[in-house]
């Protein structure tokens, strides 16, 4: 009976109240004896003590997350905004860079396929510049029939001119489009053409910089037609179709001179208005006679 009291009393007198039996594993001296005395109790307590400490923390975190719907909503909104931003960025790249690249590649191929007569490398002589009525196209061509040069924009500026002003078939391909009901190049009346000002080649991006007297050259297989800007660029509404009338200076009167009109959208990235540039034919000459000095000066 004395030994039983000693064993029971050892826990009461040797260890403080409330100390778990697992504490027996922490002491180097005498710990093995105490652990062996209560193996089942120590093992059970050691296994239970770990999860008992972590589990309330996890439950607390789960309850905290469930109680924060605003955070979840903000996260979803943030992901949606990032996705929209990526798509907008890709659209800008496509609109500003990819369509221009495609248009330049296409127009370069068109110019090569046109196979226009190559002019001699010498400049035109004054004697070769003619002001009498030039020969005009008898049949309206269906494809690209001329090349537009604007010396103010550099020697590399060469844009094929095609029949029609449709978006998918002409303008979106980087071509200048001839208004079907206007005069042909060189003819008395108004040779009117349209082109994009931004994206798809942006062929008329800088026509607002043209000034009176600037040359605009149209090259066909046989002839050069050199026009001169006759007025400052101006802005009109899309309904102002009189700018492409046979006599744009006096829309109600018959045509008196051979003129040319460039039209494009205005302002940039908008179709609210139209930017217009008028010019008149200065002279024409055979391609075989040489190159207009206006092109050589650039």
C-alpha atoms as a PDB file:
ATOM      1  CA  UNK A   1       0.000   0.000   0.000  1.00  0.00           C
ATOM      2  CA  UNK A   2       2.936   2.281   0.690  1.00  0.00           C
ATOM      3  CA  UNK A   3       4.305   1.876  -2.846  1.00  0.00           C
ATOM      4  CA  UNK A   4       0.963   2.726  -4.430  1.00  0.00           C
ATOM      5  CA  UNK A   5       0.763   5.906  -2.419  1.00  0.00           C
ATOM      6  CA  UNK A   6       4.313   6.819  -3.512  1.00  0.00           C
ATOM      7  CA  UNK A   7       3.556   6.332  -7.201  1.00  0.00           C
ATOM      8  CA  UNK A   8       0.408   8.363  -7.028  1.00  0.00           C
ATOM      9  CA  UNK A   9       1.994  10.964  -4.869  1.00  0.00           C
ATOM     10  CA  UNK A  10       5.044  11.311  -7.114  1.00  0.00           C
ATOM     11  CA  UNK A  11       2.988  13.057  -9.736  1.00  0.00           C
ATOM     12  CA  UNK A  12       1.442  15.337  -7.170  1.00  0.00           C
ATOM     13  CA  UNK A  13       4.661  16.284  -5.377  1.00  0.00           C
ATOM     14  CA  UNK A  14       7.238  16.121  -8.245  1.00  0.00           C
ATOM     15  CA  UNK A  15       5.325  17.929 -11.051  1.00  0.00           C
ATOM     16  CA  UNK A  16       3.183  21.046 -10.945  1.00  0.00           C
ATOM     17  CA  UNK A  17      -0.574  20.729 -11.396  1.00  0.00           C
ATOM     18  CA  UNK A  18      -1.816  20.912 -14.988  1.00  0.00           C
ATOM     19  CA  UNK A  19       1.525  19.972 -16.653  1.00  0.00           C
ATOM     20  CA  UNK A  20       0.750  17.510 -19.489  1.00  0.00           C
ATOM     21  CA  UNK A  21       2.496  14.129 -19.368  1.00  0.00           C
ATOM     22  CA  UNK A  22       4.076  14.935 -22.701  1.00  0.00           C
ATOM     23  CA  UNK A  23       6.412  17.287 -20.801  1.00  0.00           C
ATOM     24  CA  UNK A  24       8.264  14.095 -19.860  1.00  0.00           C
ATOM     25  CA  UNK A  25       9.870  14.051 -23.340  1.00  0.00           C
ATOM     26  CA  UNK A  26      11.376  17.531 -22.923  1.00  0.00           C
ATOM     27  CA  UNK A  27      13.727  16.831 -19.950  1.00  0.00           C
ATOM     28  CA  UNK A  28      17.000  14.981 -20.506  1.00  0.00           C
ATOM     29  CA  UNK A  29      17.379  13.665 -16.948  1.00  0.00           C
ATOM     30  CA  UNK A  30      14.830  11.201 -15.578  1.00  0.00           C
ATOM     31  CA  UNK A  31      12.452  11.819 -18.474  1.00  0.00           C
ATOM     32  CA  UNK A  32      12.650   8.276 -19.806  1.00  0.00           C
ATOM     33  CA  UNK A  33      11.597   6.857 -16.398  1.00  0.00           C
ATOM     34  CA  UNK A  34       8.559   9.100 -16.163  1.00  0.00           C
ATOM     35  CA  UNK A  35       7.589   8.417 -19.787  1.00  0.00           C
ATOM     36  CA  UNK A  36       7.783   4.662 -19.227  1.00  0.00           C
ATOM     37  CA  UNK A  37       5.596   4.965 -16.134  1.00  0.00           C
ATOM     38  CA  UNK A  38       2.684   6.416 -18.111  1.00  0.00           C
ATOM     39  CA  UNK A  39       3.179   5.299 -21.769  1.00  0.00           C
ATOM     40  CA  UNK A  40      -0.452   5.236 -22.843  1.00  0.00           C
ATOM     41  CA  UNK A  41      -1.336   8.582 -21.336  1.00  0.00           C
ATOM     42  CA  UNK A  42       1.766  10.299 -22.728  1.00  0.00           C
ATOM     43  CA  UNK A  43       1.307   8.971 -26.275  1.00  0.00           C
ATOM     44  CA  UNK A  44      -2.340   9.909 -26.392  1.00  0.00           C
ATOM     45  CA  UNK A  45      -1.716  13.388 -25.080  1.00  0.00           C
ATOM     46  CA  UNK A  46       1.234  13.970 -27.427  1.00  0.00           C
ATOM     47  CA  UNK A  47      -0.859  13.026 -30.469  1.00  0.00           C
ATOM     48  CA  UNK A  48      -3.795  15.186 -29.432  1.00  0.00           C
ATOM     49  CA  UNK A  49      -1.789  18.239 -28.421  1.00  0.00           C
ATOM     50  CA  UNK A  50      -0.631  19.172 -31.983  1.00  0.00           C
ATOM     51  CA  UNK A  51      -3.931  19.274 -33.903  1.00  0.00           C
ATOM     52  CA  UNK A  52      -5.718  20.735 -30.927  1.00  0.00           C
ATOM     53  CA  UNK A  53      -3.552  23.839 -31.263  1.00  0.00           C
ATOM     54  CA  UNK A  54      -3.729  24.243 -35.149  1.00  0.00           C
ATOM     55  CA  UNK A  55      -7.344  23.320 -35.813  1.00  0.00           C
ATOM     56  CA  UNK A  56      -8.972  26.358 -34.171  1.00  0.00           C
ATOM     57  CA  UNK A  57      -6.683  28.639 -36.188  1.00  0.00           C
ATOM     58  CA  UNK A  58      -7.746  27.073 -39.510  1.00  0.00           C
ATOM     59  CA  UNK A  59     -11.398  27.236 -38.564  1.00  0.00           C
ATOM     60  CA  UNK A  60     -10.965  30.858 -37.599  1.00  0.00           C
ATOM     61  CA  UNK A  61      -9.400  31.636 -40.979  1.00  0.00           C
ATOM     62  CA  UNK A  62     -12.218  29.850 -42.831  1.00  0.00           C
ATOM     63  CA  UNK A  63     -14.830  31.728 -40.833  1.00  0.00           C
ATOM     64  CA  UNK A  64     -12.959  34.979 -41.578  1.00  0.00           C
ATOM     65  CA  UNK A  65     -12.960  34.287 -45.297  1.00  0.00           C
ATOM     66  CA  UNK A  66     -16.638  33.435 -45.351  1.00  0.00           C
ATOM     67  CA  UNK A  67     -17.377  36.700 -43.588  1.00  0.00           C
ATOM     68  CA  UNK A  68     -15.552  38.826 -46.253  1.00  0.00           C
ATOM     69  CA  UNK A  69     -17.732  38.786 -49.448  1.00  0.00           C
ATOM     70  CA  UNK A  70     -16.475  42.254 -50.390  1.00  0.00           C
ATOM     71  CA  UNK A  71     -12.935  40.917 -50.745  1.00  0.00           C
ATOM     72  CA  UNK A  72     -14.160  38.105 -52.974  1.00  0.00           C
ATOM     73  CA  UNK A  73     -16.110  40.569 -55.118  1.00  0.00           C
ATOM     74  CA  UNK A  74     -13.136  42.898 -55.448  1.00  0.00           C
ATOM     75  CA  UNK A  75     -10.942  39.989 -56.473  1.00  0.00           C
ATOM     76  CA  UNK A  76     -13.362  38.942 -59.217  1.00  0.00           C
ATOM     77  CA  UNK A  77     -13.688  42.524 -60.450  1.00  0.00           C
ATOM     78  CA  UNK A  78      -9.905  42.897 -60.480  1.00  0.00           C
ATOM     79  CA  UNK A  79      -9.456  39.758 -62.580  1.00  0.00           C
ATOM     80  CA  UNK A  80     -12.116  40.938 -65.024  1.00  0.00           C
ATOM     81  CA  UNK A  81     -10.430  44.332 -65.379  1.00  0.00           C
ATOM     82  CA  UNK A  82      -7.084  42.664 -66.062  1.00  0.00           C
ATOM     83  CA  UNK A  83      -8.695  40.471 -68.734  1.00  0.00           C
ATOM     84  CA  UNK A  84     -10.388  43.460 -70.362  1.00  0.00           C
ATOM     85  CA  UNK A  85      -7.113  45.383 -70.269  1.00  0.00           C
ATOM     86  CA  UNK A  86      -5.303  42.545 -72.044  1.00  0.00           C
ATOM     87  CA  UNK A  87      -7.939  42.408 -74.781  1.00  0.00           C
ATOM     88  CA  UNK A  88      -7.858  46.198 -75.216  1.00  0.00           C
ATOM     89  CA  UNK A  89      -4.085  46.103 -75.475  1.00  0.00           C
ATOM     90  CA  UNK A  90      -4.255  43.410 -78.150  1.00  0.00           C
ATOM     91  CA  UNK A  91      -6.881  45.413 -80.044  1.00  0.00           C
ATOM     92  CA  UNK A  92      -4.677  48.516 -80.019  1.00  0.00           C
ATOM     93  CA  UNK A  93      -1.735  46.488 -81.307  1.00  0.00           C
ATOM     94  CA  UNK A  94      -3.926  45.040 -84.062  1.00  0.00           C
ATOM     95  CA  UNK A  95      -5.427  48.404 -84.977  1.00  0.00           C
ATOM     96  CA  UNK A  96      -2.269  50.506 -84.892  1.00  0.00           C
ATOM     97  CA  UNK A  97       0.424  48.095 -85.986  1.00  0.00           C
ATOM     98  CA  UNK A  98      -0.894  44.920 -87.556  1.00  0.00           C
ATOM     99  CA  UNK A  99      -3.363  46.536 -90.009  1.00  0.00           C
ATOM    100  CA  UNK A 100      -0.682  49.007 -91.129  1.00  0.00           C
ATOM    101  CA  UNK A 101       1.771  46.163 -91.704  1.00  0.00           C
ATOM    102  CA  UNK A 102      -0.788  44.193 -93.712  1.00  0.00           C
ATOM    103  CA  UNK A 103      -1.707  47.247 -95.797  1.00  0.00           C
ATOM    104  CA  UNK A 104       1.915  48.064 -96.646  1.00  0.00           C
ATOM    105  CA  UNK A 105       2.604  44.486 -97.667  1.00  0.00           C
ATOM    106  CA  UNK A 106      -0.521  44.399 -99.815  1.00  0.00           C
ATOM    107  CA  UNK A 107       0.079  47.724-101.563  1.00  0.00           C
ATOM    108  CA  UNK A 108       3.678  46.779-102.242  1.00  0.00           C
ATOM    109  CA  UNK A 109       2.446  43.675-104.009  1.00  0.00           C
ATOM    110  CA  UNK A 110      -0.133  45.671-105.974  1.00  0.00           C
ATOM    111  CA  UNK A 111       2.493  48.126-107.247  1.00  0.00           C
ATOM    112  CA  UNK A 112       4.698  45.222-108.348  1.00  0.00           C
ATOM    113  CA  UNK A 113       1.791  43.543-110.160  1.00  0.00           C
ATOM    114  CA  UNK A 114       0.802  46.760-111.941  1.00  0.00           C
ATOM    115  CA  UNK A 115       4.074  46.659-113.839  1.00  0.00           C
ATOM    116  CA  UNK A 116       3.975  50.324-114.808  1.00  0.00           C
ATOM    117  CA  UNK A 117       6.339  51.636-117.424  1.00  0.00           C
ATOM    118  CA  UNK A 118       9.658  52.621-115.872  1.00  0.00           C
ATOM    119  CA  UNK A 119      10.573  56.237-116.484  1.00  0.00           C
ATOM    120  CA  UNK A 120      14.072  57.272-117.500  1.00  0.00           C
ATOM    121  CA  UNK A 121      16.212  58.541-114.641  1.00  0.00           C
ATOM    122  CA  UNK A 122      16.440  62.030-116.150  1.00  0.00           C
ATOM    123  CA  UNK A 123      14.155  64.915-115.149  1.00  0.00           C
ATOM    124  CA  UNK A 124      11.432  66.179-117.437  1.00  0.00           C
ATOM    125  CA  UNK A 125      12.305  69.113-119.621  1.00  0.00           C
ATOM    126  CA  UNK A 126      10.038  72.140-119.655  1.00  0.00           C
ATOM    127  CA  UNK A 127       9.278  71.338-123.280  1.00  0.00           C
ATOM    128  CA  UNK A 128       7.818  67.984-122.208  1.00  0.00           C
ATOM    129  CA  UNK A 129       5.354  69.561-119.762  1.00  0.00           C
ATOM    130  CA  UNK A 130       2.005  69.878-121.465  1.00  0.00           C
ATOM    131  CA  UNK A 131      -1.061  71.892-120.562  1.00  0.00           C
ATOM    132  CA  UNK A 132      -3.364  70.908-123.414  1.00  0.00           C
ATOM    133  CA  UNK A 133      -6.191  68.447-122.644  1.00  0.00           C
ATOM    134  CA  UNK A 134      -4.565  65.107-121.790  1.00  0.00           C
ATOM    135  CA  UNK A 135      -5.750  61.696-122.950  1.00  0.00           C
ATOM    136  CA  UNK A 136      -8.114  60.103-120.437  1.00  0.00           C
ATOM    137  CA  UNK A 137      -9.222  56.557-119.753  1.00  0.00           C
ATOM    138  CA  UNK A 138     -11.867  55.397-122.183  1.00  0.00           C
ATOM    139  CA  UNK A 139     -12.892  52.452-119.993  1.00  0.00           C
ATOM    140  CA  UNK A 140     -13.116  52.642-116.227  1.00  0.00           C
ATOM    141  CA  UNK A 141     -10.545  50.183-114.826  1.00  0.00           C
ATOM    142  CA  UNK A 142     -11.702  47.684-112.213  1.00  0.00           C
ATOM    143  CA  UNK A 143      -8.387  47.307-110.371  1.00  0.00           C
ATOM    144  CA  UNK A 144      -5.581  49.643-109.359  1.00  0.00           C
ATOM    145  CA  UNK A 145      -4.814  51.911-112.302  1.00  0.00           C
ATOM    146  CA  UNK A 146      -2.470  54.612-110.956  1.00  0.00           C
ATOM    147  CA  UNK A 147       0.016  55.449-108.212  1.00  0.00           C
ATOM    148  CA  UNK A 148      -0.290  58.498-105.965  1.00  0.00           C
ATOM    149  CA  UNK A 149       2.872  60.410-105.010  1.00  0.00           C
ATOM    150  CA  UNK A 150       2.928  63.268-102.502  1.00  0.00           C
ATOM    151  CA  UNK A 151       6.487  64.672-102.433  1.00  0.00           C
ATOM    152  CA  UNK A 152       5.964  66.403 -99.062  1.00  0.00           C
ATOM    153  CA  UNK A 153       5.699  62.930 -97.523  1.00  0.00           C
ATOM    154  CA  UNK A 154       8.972  61.666 -99.000  1.00  0.00           C
ATOM    155  CA  UNK A 155      10.137  59.617-101.961  1.00  0.00           C
ATOM    156  CA  UNK A 156       8.909  56.382-100.384  1.00  0.00           C
ATOM    157  CA  UNK A 157       5.310  57.557-100.414  1.00  0.00           C
ATOM    158  CA  UNK A 158       3.612  55.538-103.158  1.00  0.00           C
ATOM    159  CA  UNK A 159      -0.051  54.571-102.887  1.00  0.00           C
ATOM    160  CA  UNK A 160      -1.998  52.607-105.513  1.00  0.00           C
ATOM    161  CA  UNK A 161      -5.302  54.162-106.608  1.00  0.00           C
ATOM    162  CA  UNK A 162      -8.155  51.719-107.254  1.00  0.00           C
ATOM    163  CA  UNK A 163     -11.703  52.097-108.456  1.00  0.00           C
ATOM    164  CA  UNK A 164     -14.353  52.444-105.739  1.00  0.00           C
ATOM    165  CA  UNK A 165     -14.408  53.500-102.090  1.00  0.00           C
ATOM    166  CA  UNK A 166     -15.555  50.282-100.427  1.00  0.00           C
ATOM    167  CA  UNK A 167     -13.982  49.515 -97.067  1.00  0.00           C
ATOM    168  CA  UNK A 168     -13.160  45.817 -97.317  1.00  0.00           C
ATOM    169  CA  UNK A 169     -12.303  45.812-101.016  1.00  0.00           C
ATOM    170  CA  UNK A 170     -10.293  49.036-101.261  1.00  0.00           C
ATOM    171  CA  UNK A 171      -9.723  51.315 -98.265  1.00  0.00           C
ATOM    172  CA  UNK A 172      -8.995  48.641 -95.634  1.00  0.00           C
ATOM    173  CA  UNK A 173      -6.313  47.264 -97.950  1.00  0.00           C
ATOM    174  CA  UNK A 174      -4.384  50.526 -97.817  1.00  0.00           C
ATOM    175  CA  UNK A 175      -5.453  51.717-101.271  1.00  0.00           C
ATOM    176  CA  UNK A 176      -6.717  55.145-102.256  1.00  0.00           C
ATOM    177  CA  UNK A 177     -10.226  54.796-103.648  1.00  0.00           C
ATOM    178  CA  UNK A 178     -11.590  56.731-106.622  1.00  0.00           C
ATOM    179  CA  UNK A 179     -15.154  57.971-106.207  1.00  0.00           C
ATOM    180  CA  UNK A 180     -16.899  56.244-109.142  1.00  0.00           C
ATOM    181  CA  UNK A 181     -19.073  59.199-110.167  1.00  0.00           C
ATOM    182  CA  UNK A 182     -16.231  61.719-110.387  1.00  0.00           C
ATOM    183  CA  UNK A 183     -13.874  62.539-113.256  1.00  0.00           C
ATOM    184  CA  UNK A 184     -10.953  60.286-114.133  1.00  0.00           C
ATOM    185  CA  UNK A 185      -7.389  61.431-113.588  1.00  0.00           C
ATOM    186  CA  UNK A 186      -6.427  64.280-115.918  1.00  0.00           C
ATOM    187  CA  UNK A 187      -9.983  64.873-117.119  1.00  0.00           C
ATOM    188  CA  UNK A 188     -11.928  68.119-116.794  1.00  0.00           C
ATOM    189  CA  UNK A 189     -13.944  67.844-113.606  1.00  0.00           C
ATOM    190  CA  UNK A 190     -13.070  66.645-110.122  1.00  0.00           C
ATOM    191  CA  UNK A 191     -10.895  63.547-109.781  1.00  0.00           C
ATOM    192  CA  UNK A 192     -11.826  62.696-106.166  1.00  0.00           C
ATOM    193  CA  UNK A 193     -10.214  59.996-104.064  1.00  0.00           C
ATOM    194  CA  UNK A 194     -10.585  58.798-100.468  1.00  0.00           C
ATOM    195  CA  UNK A 195      -8.241  57.094 -98.004  1.00  0.00           C
ATOM    196  CA  UNK A 196      -7.827  56.184 -94.352  1.00  0.00           C
ATOM    197  CA  UNK A 197      -6.224  58.649 -91.988  1.00  0.00           C
ATOM    198  CA  UNK A 198      -5.454  56.119 -89.236  1.00  0.00           C
ATOM    199  CA  UNK A 199      -4.850  52.351 -89.343  1.00  0.00           C
ATOM    200  CA  UNK A 200      -5.012  50.199 -92.487  1.00  0.00           C
ATOM    201  CA  UNK A 201      -1.981  51.982 -93.917  1.00  0.00           C
ATOM    202  CA  UNK A 202      -3.065  55.482 -92.785  1.00  0.00           C
ATOM    203  CA  UNK A 203      -2.269  56.797 -96.270  1.00  0.00           C
ATOM    204  CA  UNK A 204      -3.837  60.233 -95.632  1.00  0.00           C
ATOM    205  CA  UNK A 205      -2.617  60.618 -92.045  1.00  0.00           C
ATOM    206  CA  UNK A 206      -0.687  63.837 -92.768  1.00  0.00           C
ATOM    207  CA  UNK A 207      -2.713  65.535 -95.488  1.00  0.00           C
ATOM    208  CA  UNK A 208      -3.588  68.275 -92.994  1.00  0.00           C
ATOM    209  CA  UNK A 209       0.034  69.412 -93.447  1.00  0.00           C
ATOM    210  CA  UNK A 210      -0.353  70.138 -97.166  1.00  0.00           C
ATOM    211  CA  UNK A 211      -0.078  73.761 -98.203  1.00  0.00           C
ATOM    212  CA  UNK A 212      -1.173  75.705-101.297  1.00  0.00           C
ATOM    213  CA  UNK A 213       1.325  75.100-104.083  1.00  0.00           C
ATOM    214  CA  UNK A 214       2.401  71.648-102.874  1.00  0.00           C
ATOM    215  CA  UNK A 215       2.565  69.146-105.760  1.00  0.00           C
ATOM    216  CA  UNK A 216       0.499  65.960-105.883  1.00  0.00           C
ATOM    217  CA  UNK A 217       1.592  63.568-108.631  1.00  0.00           C
ATOM    218  CA  UNK A 218      -0.468  60.771-110.161  1.00  0.00           C
ATOM    219  CA  UNK A 219       1.372  58.210-112.258  1.00  0.00           C
ATOM    220  CA  UNK A 220      -0.347  55.927-114.773  1.00  0.00           C
ATOM    221  CA  UNK A 221       1.283  53.467-117.118  1.00  0.00           C
ATOM    222  CA  UNK A 222       1.850  56.129-119.778  1.00  0.00           C
ATOM    223  CA  UNK A 223       1.532  59.567-118.182  1.00  0.00           C
ATOM    224  CA  UNK A 224       2.403  61.799-115.257  1.00  0.00           C
ATOM    225  CA  UNK A 225      -0.289  64.162-113.949  1.00  0.00           C
ATOM    226  CA  UNK A 226       1.033  66.894-111.667  1.00  0.00           C
ATOM    227  CA  UNK A 227      -1.547  68.753-109.554  1.00  0.00           C
ATOM    228  CA  UNK A 228      -0.968  71.716-107.207  1.00  0.00           C
ATOM    229  CA  UNK A 229      -2.803  72.209-103.912  1.00  0.00           C
ATOM    230  CA  UNK A 230      -5.109  75.174-104.491  1.00  0.00           C
ATOM    231  CA  UNK A 231      -6.337  75.914-100.945  1.00  0.00           C
ATOM    232  CA  UNK A 232      -5.649  75.114 -97.318  1.00  0.00           C
ATOM    233  CA  UNK A 233      -7.081  71.833 -96.022  1.00  0.00           C
ATOM    234  CA  UNK A 234     -10.521  72.334 -94.518  1.00  0.00           C
ATOM    235  CA  UNK A 235     -13.060  70.346 -92.531  1.00  0.00           C
ATOM    236  CA  UNK A 236     -16.644  69.581 -93.535  1.00  0.00           C
ATOM    237  CA  UNK A 237     -19.468  67.347 -92.392  1.00  0.00           C
ATOM    238  CA  UNK A 238     -19.877  63.911 -94.009  1.00  0.00           C
ATOM    239  CA  UNK A 239     -23.023  65.182 -95.719  1.00  0.00           C
ATOM    240  CA  UNK A 240     -21.113  67.915 -97.601  1.00  0.00           C
ATOM    241  CA  UNK A 241     -20.927  65.951-100.848  1.00  0.00           C
ATOM    242  CA  UNK A 242     -20.398  69.178-102.810  1.00  0.00           C
ATOM    243  CA  UNK A 243     -16.665  68.861-102.113  1.00  0.00           C
ATOM    244  CA  UNK A 244     -16.499  66.104-104.745  1.00  0.00           C
ATOM    245  CA  UNK A 245     -18.778  67.904-107.220  1.00  0.00           C
ATOM    246  CA  UNK A 246     -17.392  68.507-110.757  1.00  0.00           C
ATOM    247  CA  UNK A 247     -16.766  72.124-109.774  1.00  0.00           C
ATOM    248  CA  UNK A 248     -16.150  72.097-105.991  1.00  0.00           C
ATOM    249  CA  UNK A 249     -15.542  75.866-105.952  1.00  0.00           C
ATOM    250  CA  UNK A 250     -19.023  76.395-107.398  1.00  0.00           C
ATOM    251  CA  UNK A 251     -20.992  73.140-107.019  1.00  0.00           C
ATOM    252  CA  UNK A 252     -23.927  74.350-109.083  1.00  0.00           C
ATOM    253  CA  UNK A 253     -21.801  75.257-112.097  1.00  0.00           C
ATOM    254  CA  UNK A 254     -20.279  72.956-114.719  1.00  0.00           C
ATOM    255  CA  UNK A 255     -16.652  71.911-114.470  1.00  0.00           C
ATOM    256  CA  UNK A 256     -14.144  74.330-115.963  1.00  0.00           C
ATOM    257  CA  UNK A 257     -10.751  72.855-114.994  1.00  0.00           C
ATOM    258  CA  UNK A 258      -9.202  69.497-114.198  1.00  0.00           C
ATOM    259  CA  UNK A 259      -9.134  69.325-110.425  1.00  0.00           C
ATOM    260  CA  UNK A 260      -8.405  66.724-107.792  1.00  0.00           C
ATOM    261  CA  UNK A 261      -9.777  66.258-104.262  1.00  0.00           C
ATOM    262  CA  UNK A 262      -8.462  64.172-101.360  1.00  0.00           C
ATOM    263  CA  UNK A 263     -10.904  63.226 -98.592  1.00  0.00           C
ATOM    264  CA  UNK A 264     -10.376  61.452 -95.282  1.00  0.00           C
ATOM    265  CA  UNK A 265     -11.923  61.155 -91.824  1.00  0.00           C
ATOM    266  CA  UNK A 266     -11.444  63.853 -89.187  1.00  0.00           C
ATOM    267  CA  UNK A 267     -10.446  64.181 -86.407  1.00  0.00           C
ATOM    268  CA  UNK A 268      -8.108  61.274 -85.784  1.00  0.00           C
ATOM    269  CA  UNK A 269      -9.912  58.165 -84.534  1.00  0.00           C
ATOM    270  CA  UNK A 270     -13.269  59.629 -85.452  1.00  0.00           C
ATOM    271  CA  UNK A 271     -15.638  59.643 -88.427  1.00  0.00           C
ATOM    272  CA  UNK A 272     -17.562  62.696 -87.261  1.00  0.00           C
ATOM    273  CA  UNK A 273     -16.167  64.975 -89.987  1.00  0.00           C
ATOM    274  CA  UNK A 274     -14.167  64.953 -93.222  1.00  0.00           C
ATOM    275  CA  UNK A 275     -10.830  66.595 -93.994  1.00  0.00           C
ATOM    276  CA  UNK A 276     -10.636  67.844 -97.576  1.00  0.00           C
ATOM    277  CA  UNK A 277      -7.758  69.000 -99.793  1.00  0.00           C
ATOM    278  CA  UNK A 278      -8.390  70.510-103.251  1.00  0.00           C
ATOM    279  CA  UNK A 279      -5.858  70.819-106.065  1.00  0.00           C
ATOM    280  CA  UNK A 280      -5.783  71.676-109.773  1.00  0.00           C
ATOM    281  CA  UNK A 281      -3.875  70.144-112.673  1.00  0.00           C
ATOM    282  CA  UNK A 282      -0.633  71.997-113.378  1.00  0.00           C
ATOM    283  CA  UNK A 283       0.672  69.898-116.274  1.00  0.00           C
ATOM    284  CA  UNK A 284       0.921  66.385-117.620  1.00  0.00           C
ATOM    285  CA  UNK A 285       3.704  64.576-119.481  1.00  0.00           C
ATOM    286  CA  UNK A 286       4.551  61.172-120.970  1.00  0.00           C
ATOM    287  CA  UNK A 287       6.334  58.817-118.584  1.00  0.00           C
ATOM    288  CA  UNK A 288       8.801  58.042-121.354  1.00  0.00           C
ATOM    289  CA  UNK A 289      10.009  61.682-121.293  1.00  0.00           C
ATOM    290  CA  UNK A 290      11.506  61.490-117.806  1.00  0.00           C
ATOM    291  CA  UNK A 291      10.634  62.062-114.166  1.00  0.00           C
ATOM    292  CA  UNK A 292       8.901  65.217-112.872  1.00  0.00           C
ATOM    293  CA  UNK A 293      11.333  67.385-110.959  1.00  0.00           C
ATOM    294  CA  UNK A 294       8.771  67.517-108.137  1.00  0.00           C
ATOM    295  CA  UNK A 295       9.572  63.862-107.396  1.00  0.00           C
ATOM    296  CA  UNK A 296      13.309  64.351-107.682  1.00  0.00           C
ATOM    297  CA  UNK A 297      13.350  67.251-105.239  1.00  0.00           C
ATOM    298  CA  UNK A 298      12.127  65.067-102.372  1.00  0.00           C
END
